[in-house]
Amino acid sequence: MRPMWPMSPKLSVKVVDMPFGKRPFRLHIDPAQDGAEIVNGVADRVRTEMYRNIGLADLLTPVIS
């Protein structure tokens, strides 16, 4: 099995090159490939739903002030 960590610099550059408002909240890198990326994705969805339910959905999108 080839480790994924050598790809992380390329992924980081890709994210930095994304336009404002299109960058992901978090970049998941799972070098162990033990399912942490899936668990973190579920946690992000639950967090998003919770913020919407408690009226804090405005924290989910970037804003230039």
C-alpha atoms as a PDB file:
ATOM      1  CA  MET A   1       0.000   0.000   0.000  1.00  0.00           C
ATOM      2  CA  ARG A   2       1.379   3.398  -1.012  1.00  0.00           C
ATOM      3  CA  PRO A   3       1.156   6.125   1.667  1.00  0.00           C
ATOM      4  CA  MET A   4      -1.044   9.113   0.855  1.00  0.00           C
ATOM      5  CA  TRP A   5       1.030  11.696   2.733  1.00  0.00           C
ATOM      6  CA  PRO A   6       3.220  12.597  -0.267  1.00  0.00           C
ATOM      7  CA  MET A   7       0.030  13.895  -1.911  1.00  0.00           C
ATOM      8  CA  SER A   8      -0.748  16.325   0.923  1.00  0.00           C
ATOM      9  CA  PRO A   9       1.442  19.180  -0.425  1.00  0.00           C
ATOM     10  CA  LYS A  10      -0.261  18.893  -3.816  1.00  0.00           C
ATOM     11  CA  LEU A  11      -3.687  18.897  -2.174  1.00  0.00           C
ATOM     12  CA  SER A  12      -2.728  21.904  -0.058  1.00  0.00           C
ATOM     13  CA  VAL A  13      -1.667  23.866  -3.141  1.00  0.00           C
ATOM     14  CA  LYS A  14      -4.909  22.907  -4.882  1.00  0.00           C
ATOM     15  CA  VAL A  15      -6.956  24.215  -1.940  1.00  0.00           C
ATOM     16  CA  VAL A  16      -4.964  27.463  -1.702  1.00  0.00           C
ATOM     17  CA  ASP A  17      -5.512  28.057  -5.421  1.00  0.00           C
ATOM     18  CA  MET A  18      -9.301  27.789  -5.055  1.00  0.00           C
ATOM     19  CA  PRO A  19     -11.263  31.067  -5.254  1.00  0.00           C
ATOM     20  CA  PHE A  20     -12.680  32.737  -2.150  1.00  0.00           C
ATOM     21  CA  GLY A  21     -15.790  30.956  -0.915  1.00  0.00           C
ATOM     22  CA  LYS A  22     -14.953  27.694  -2.701  1.00  0.00           C
ATOM     23  CA  ARG A  23     -12.304  26.383  -0.298  1.00  0.00           C
ATOM     24  CA  PRO A  24     -13.390  23.492   1.897  1.00  0.00           C
ATOM     25  CA  PHE A  25     -13.737  24.151   5.622  1.00  0.00           C
ATOM     26  CA  ARG A  26     -11.329  21.313   6.273  1.00  0.00           C
ATOM     27  CA  LEU A  27      -8.977  19.163   4.203  1.00  0.00           C
ATOM     28  CA  HIS A  28      -9.036  15.504   5.226  1.00  0.00           C
ATOM     29  CA  ILE A  29      -5.878  13.509   4.706  1.00  0.00           C
ATOM     30  CA  ASP A  30      -6.031   9.931   5.950  1.00  0.00           C
ATOM     31  CA  PRO A  31      -2.547   8.413   5.542  1.00  0.00           C
ATOM     32  CA  ALA A  32      -3.497   5.326   7.538  1.00  0.00           C
ATOM     33  CA  GLN A  33      -6.602   4.819   5.401  1.00  0.00           C
ATOM     34  CA  ASP A  34      -8.423   3.658   8.530  1.00  0.00           C
ATOM     35  CA  GLY A  35     -11.707   5.404   7.783  1.00  0.00           C
ATOM     36  CA  ALA A  36     -10.991   8.641   9.661  1.00  0.00           C
ATOM     37  CA  GLU A  37     -11.781  10.639   6.522  1.00  0.00           C
ATOM     38  CA  ILE A  38     -15.289   9.149   6.422  1.00  0.00           C
ATOM     39  CA  VAL A  39     -15.856   9.763  10.146  1.00  0.00           C
ATOM     40  CA  ASN A  40     -14.681  13.380   9.806  1.00  0.00           C
ATOM     41  CA  GLY A  41     -17.007  13.879   6.839  1.00  0.00           C
ATOM     42  CA  VAL A  42     -19.969  12.653   8.879  1.00  0.00           C
ATOM     43  CA  ALA A  43     -18.967  14.911  11.777  1.00  0.00           C
ATOM     44  CA  ASP A  44     -18.835  17.898   9.404  1.00  0.00           C
ATOM     45  CA  ARG A  45     -22.349  17.146   8.129  1.00  0.00           C
ATOM     46  CA  VAL A  46     -23.695  16.791  11.688  1.00  0.00           C
ATOM     47  CA  ARG A  47     -22.009  20.065  12.694  1.00  0.00           C
ATOM     48  CA  THR A  48     -23.505  21.850   9.680  1.00  0.00           C
ATOM     49  CA  GLU A  49     -26.983  20.581  10.532  1.00  0.00           C
ATOM     50  CA  MET A  50     -26.576  21.591  14.182  1.00  0.00           C
ATOM     51  CA  TYR A  51     -25.478  25.139  13.246  1.00  0.00           C
ATOM     52  CA  ARG A  52     -28.516  25.490  11.000  1.00  0.00           C
ATOM     53  CA  ASN A  53     -30.854  24.155  13.696  1.00  0.00           C
ATOM     54  CA  ILE A  54     -29.614  26.605  16.338  1.00  0.00           C
ATOM     55  CA  GLY A  55     -29.686  29.597  13.995  1.00  0.00           C
ATOM     56  CA  LEU A  56     -25.946  29.944  13.362  1.00  0.00           C
ATOM     57  CA  ALA A  57     -25.925  29.020   9.672  1.00  0.00           C
ATOM     58  CA  ASP A  58     -24.191  32.318   8.896  1.00  0.00           C
ATOM     59  CA  LEU A  59     -21.008  30.819  10.392  1.00  0.00           C
ATOM     60  CA  LEU A  60     -20.919  28.226   7.610  1.00  0.00           C
ATOM     61  CA  THR A  61     -20.075  30.632   4.780  1.00  0.00           C
ATOM     62  CA  PRO A  62     -17.164  33.050   4.452  1.00  0.00           C
ATOM     63  CA  VAL A  63     -17.875  36.774   4.458  1.00  0.00           C
ATOM     64  CA  ILE A  64     -15.630  39.676   3.547  1.00  0.00           C
ATOM     65  CA  SER A  65     -16.147  42.521   5.998  1.00  0.00           C
END
